[in-house]
Amino acid sequence: MKIRFKKKPRIFHPTKEVKIKNYGSIELDSGDQFYLKLKNSFNEITRQNWGFYLTSSCNSRLKKNGFKTAIVKSKMGKKNKIFIKIVLKNKIKEFNKYLKKNKSEVLSWLDKQ
């Protein structure tokens, strides 16, 4: 695994409402994994020889960690783009405001069994 930090983050705005700071990169070898933590909740990203597991299981581990998983369609210019969003269960109200401001909609919640 190689971790590269930028001295100064690259700042960009994918939409008017969203500001992102890019602090660097993590290069994983096959079988490497790291956690993204948010208080007591976390998500794992795992590299495999065929690509990546970007999330833990949507209907098991993410649920146990307080997340809901959605496929979201966002209108960006003339094109629609599809994203996978992992949302804290106690932040659904804020997520719905985000969707409205960014001309987005949930196509499906993936954590239903």
C-alpha atoms as a PDB file:
ATOM      1  CA  MET A   1       0.000   0.000   0.000  1.00  0.00           C
ATOM      2  CA  LYS A   2       1.231   3.495  -0.867  1.00  0.00           C
ATOM      3  CA  ILE A   3      -0.262   6.628   0.702  1.00  0.00           C
ATOM      4  CA  ARG A   4       0.502  10.006  -0.864  1.00  0.00           C
ATOM      5  CA  PHE A   5      -0.543  13.224   0.875  1.00  0.00           C
ATOM      6  CA  LYS A   6      -0.613  16.600  -0.849  1.00  0.00           C
ATOM      7  CA  LYS A   7       0.948  19.561   0.958  1.00  0.00           C
ATOM      8  CA  LYS A   8      -1.991  21.665  -0.190  1.00  0.00           C
ATOM      9  CA  PRO A   9      -5.292  19.964  -1.044  1.00  0.00           C
ATOM     10  CA  ARG A  10      -6.858  20.417  -4.463  1.00  0.00           C
ATOM     11  CA  ILE A  11     -10.222  22.127  -3.953  1.00  0.00           C
ATOM     12  CA  PHE A  12     -13.052  21.763  -6.455  1.00  0.00           C
ATOM     13  CA  HIS A  13     -16.828  22.147  -6.719  1.00  0.00           C
ATOM     14  CA  PRO A  14     -18.615  19.313  -8.592  1.00  0.00           C
ATOM     15  CA  THR A  15     -21.848  21.297  -8.023  1.00  0.00           C
ATOM     16  CA  LYS A  16     -22.627  24.783  -6.713  1.00  0.00           C
ATOM     17  CA  GLU A  17     -23.574  23.321  -3.332  1.00  0.00           C
ATOM     18  CA  VAL A  18     -20.677  20.865  -2.860  1.00  0.00           C
ATOM     19  CA  LYS A  19     -17.038  21.664  -2.059  1.00  0.00           C
ATOM     20  CA  ILE A  20     -14.451  18.863  -2.040  1.00  0.00           C
ATOM     21  CA  LYS A  21     -10.854  18.906  -0.810  1.00  0.00           C
ATOM     22  CA  ASN A  22      -8.599  16.221  -2.327  1.00  0.00           C
ATOM     23  CA  TYR A  23      -5.775  15.423   0.125  1.00  0.00           C
ATOM     24  CA  GLY A  24      -3.987  12.709  -1.836  1.00  0.00           C
ATOM     25  CA  SER A  25      -4.215   9.093  -2.866  1.00  0.00           C
ATOM     26  CA  ILE A  26      -4.027   5.557  -1.545  1.00  0.00           C
ATOM     27  CA  GLU A  27      -2.732   2.848  -3.883  1.00  0.00           C
ATOM     28  CA  LEU A  28      -3.765  -0.632  -2.786  1.00  0.00           C
ATOM     29  CA  ASP A  29      -2.323  -3.987  -3.776  1.00  0.00           C
ATOM     30  CA  SER A  30      -4.648  -6.952  -4.239  1.00  0.00           C
ATOM     31  CA  GLY A  31      -5.948  -8.034  -0.825  1.00  0.00           C
ATOM     32  CA  ASP A  32      -5.255  -4.664   0.856  1.00  0.00           C
ATOM     33  CA  GLN A  33      -8.035  -2.955   2.800  1.00  0.00           C
ATOM     34  CA  PHE A  34      -8.613   0.257   4.741  1.00  0.00           C
ATOM     35  CA  TYR A  35     -11.454   1.711   6.798  1.00  0.00           C
ATOM     36  CA  LEU A  36     -13.224   5.043   6.468  1.00  0.00           C
ATOM     37  CA  LYS A  37     -14.440   6.001   9.952  1.00  0.00           C
ATOM     38  CA  LEU A  38     -17.218   8.372  10.936  1.00  0.00           C
ATOM     39  CA  LYS A  39     -17.528   8.421  14.741  1.00  0.00           C
ATOM     40  CA  ASN A  40     -18.497   4.820  15.612  1.00  0.00           C
ATOM     41  CA  SER A  41     -19.454   3.854  12.047  1.00  0.00           C
ATOM     42  CA  PHE A  42     -17.121   2.706   9.300  1.00  0.00           C
ATOM     43  CA  ASN A  43     -16.942   1.496   5.716  1.00  0.00           C
ATOM     44  CA  GLU A  44     -14.267  -0.769   4.252  1.00  0.00           C
ATOM     45  CA  ILE A  45     -12.636  -0.473   0.852  1.00  0.00           C
ATOM     46  CA  THR A  46     -10.854  -3.604  -0.330  1.00  0.00           C
ATOM     47  CA  ARG A  47      -8.720  -4.150  -3.439  1.00  0.00           C
ATOM     48  CA  GLN A  48      -9.011  -7.439  -5.331  1.00  0.00           C
ATOM     49  CA  ASN A  49      -7.213  -8.548  -8.501  1.00  0.00           C
ATOM     50  CA  TRP A  50     -10.431  -7.801 -10.479  1.00  0.00           C
ATOM     51  CA  GLY A  51     -11.096  -4.343  -8.966  1.00  0.00           C
ATOM     52  CA  PHE A  52     -12.538  -3.059  -5.644  1.00  0.00           C
ATOM     53  CA  TYR A  53     -15.125  -3.790  -3.017  1.00  0.00           C
ATOM     54  CA  LEU A  54     -16.143  -0.149  -2.381  1.00  0.00           C
ATOM     55  CA  THR A  55     -18.444  -0.953   0.516  1.00  0.00           C
ATOM     56  CA  SER A  56     -19.144  -3.552   3.109  1.00  0.00           C
ATOM     57  CA  SER A  57     -22.325  -5.560   2.483  1.00  0.00           C
ATOM     58  CA  CYS A  58     -25.244  -3.135   2.095  1.00  0.00           C
ATOM     59  CA  ASN A  59     -27.832  -5.269   3.880  1.00  0.00           C
ATOM     60  CA  SER A  60     -25.611  -6.513   6.713  1.00  0.00           C
ATOM     61  CA  ARG A  61     -22.424  -4.782   7.883  1.00  0.00           C
ATOM     62  CA  LEU A  62     -23.295  -1.265   6.644  1.00  0.00           C
ATOM     63  CA  LYS A  63     -26.729  -1.601   8.262  1.00  0.00           C
ATOM     64  CA  LYS A  64     -25.098  -2.670  11.557  1.00  0.00           C
ATOM     65  CA  ASN A  65     -22.819   0.388  11.311  1.00  0.00           C
ATOM     66  CA  GLY A  66     -25.787   2.761  10.993  1.00  0.00           C
ATOM     67  CA  PHE A  67     -25.769   3.310   7.224  1.00  0.00           C
ATOM     68  CA  LYS A  68     -28.290   3.017   4.395  1.00  0.00           C
ATOM     69  CA  THR A  69     -27.039   2.528   0.829  1.00  0.00           C
ATOM     70  CA  ALA A  70     -28.675   4.125  -2.214  1.00  0.00           C
ATOM     71  CA  ILE A  71     -28.236   4.300  -5.964  1.00  0.00           C
ATOM     72  CA  VAL A  72     -28.738   7.966  -6.843  1.00  0.00           C
ATOM     73  CA  LYS A  73     -29.319   9.663 -10.194  1.00  0.00           C
ATOM     74  CA  SER A  74     -28.035  13.241 -10.439  1.00  0.00           C
ATOM     75  CA  LYS A  75     -28.745  15.727 -13.212  1.00  0.00           C
ATOM     76  CA  MET A  76     -25.402  17.313 -14.122  1.00  0.00           C
ATOM     77  CA  GLY A  77     -25.731  19.660 -17.044  1.00  0.00           C
ATOM     78  CA  LYS A  78     -27.470  17.801 -19.852  1.00  0.00           C
ATOM     79  CA  LYS A  79     -26.408  14.389 -18.525  1.00  0.00           C
ATOM     80  CA  ASN A  80     -27.639  12.148 -15.755  1.00  0.00           C
ATOM     81  CA  LYS A  81     -24.948  10.513 -13.641  1.00  0.00           C
ATOM     82  CA  ILE A  82     -25.351   7.517 -11.352  1.00  0.00           C
ATOM     83  CA  PHE A  83     -23.733   7.353  -7.900  1.00  0.00           C
ATOM     84  CA  ILE A  84     -23.716   4.979  -4.936  1.00  0.00           C
ATOM     85  CA  LYS A  85     -24.260   6.882  -1.682  1.00  0.00           C
ATOM     86  CA  ILE A  86     -23.736   5.566   1.840  1.00  0.00           C
ATOM     87  CA  VAL A  87     -25.936   7.607   4.194  1.00  0.00           C
ATOM     88  CA  LEU A  88     -26.042   7.645   7.987  1.00  0.00           C
ATOM     89  CA  LYS A  89     -29.496   6.470   9.074  1.00  0.00           C
ATOM     90  CA  ASN A  90     -29.830   9.429  11.431  1.00  0.00           C
ATOM     91  CA  LYS A  91     -28.982  11.902   8.609  1.00  0.00           C
ATOM     92  CA  ILE A  92     -31.726  11.001   6.102  1.00  0.00           C
ATOM     93  CA  LYS A  93     -33.352  14.445   6.487  1.00  0.00           C
ATOM     94  CA  GLU A  94     -30.038  16.175   5.590  1.00  0.00           C
ATOM     95  CA  PHE A  95     -29.523  13.712   2.727  1.00  0.00           C
ATOM     96  CA  ASN A  96     -32.963  14.534   1.302  1.00  0.00           C
ATOM     97  CA  LYS A  97     -32.085  18.263   1.388  1.00  0.00           C
ATOM     98  CA  TYR A  98     -28.820  17.463  -0.422  1.00  0.00           C
ATOM     99  CA  LEU A  99     -30.736  15.509  -3.085  1.00  0.00           C
ATOM    100  CA  LYS A 100     -33.147  18.385  -3.674  1.00  0.00           C
ATOM    101  CA  LYS A 101     -30.398  21.039  -3.902  1.00  0.00           C
ATOM    102  CA  ASN A 102     -28.391  18.887  -6.321  1.00  0.00           C
ATOM    103  CA  LYS A 103     -31.264  17.828  -8.592  1.00  0.00           C
ATOM    104  CA  SER A 104     -30.837  14.204  -7.569  1.00  0.00           C
ATOM    105  CA  GLU A 105     -33.129  11.309  -6.735  1.00  0.00           C
ATOM    106  CA  VAL A 106     -32.822   7.901  -5.119  1.00  0.00           C
ATOM    107  CA  LEU A 107     -33.386   5.193  -7.720  1.00  0.00           C
ATOM    108  CA  SER A 108     -33.158   2.387  -5.179  1.00  0.00           C
ATOM    109  CA  TRP A 109     -32.185   1.713  -1.571  1.00  0.00           C
ATOM    110  CA  LEU A 110     -29.831  -1.281  -1.598  1.00  0.00           C
ATOM    111  CA  ASP A 111     -30.049  -2.226   2.078  1.00  0.00           C
ATOM    112  CA  LYS A 112     -33.488  -3.871   1.865  1.00  0.00           C
ATOM    113  CA  GLN A 113     -33.507  -7.639   2.231  1.00  0.00           C
END
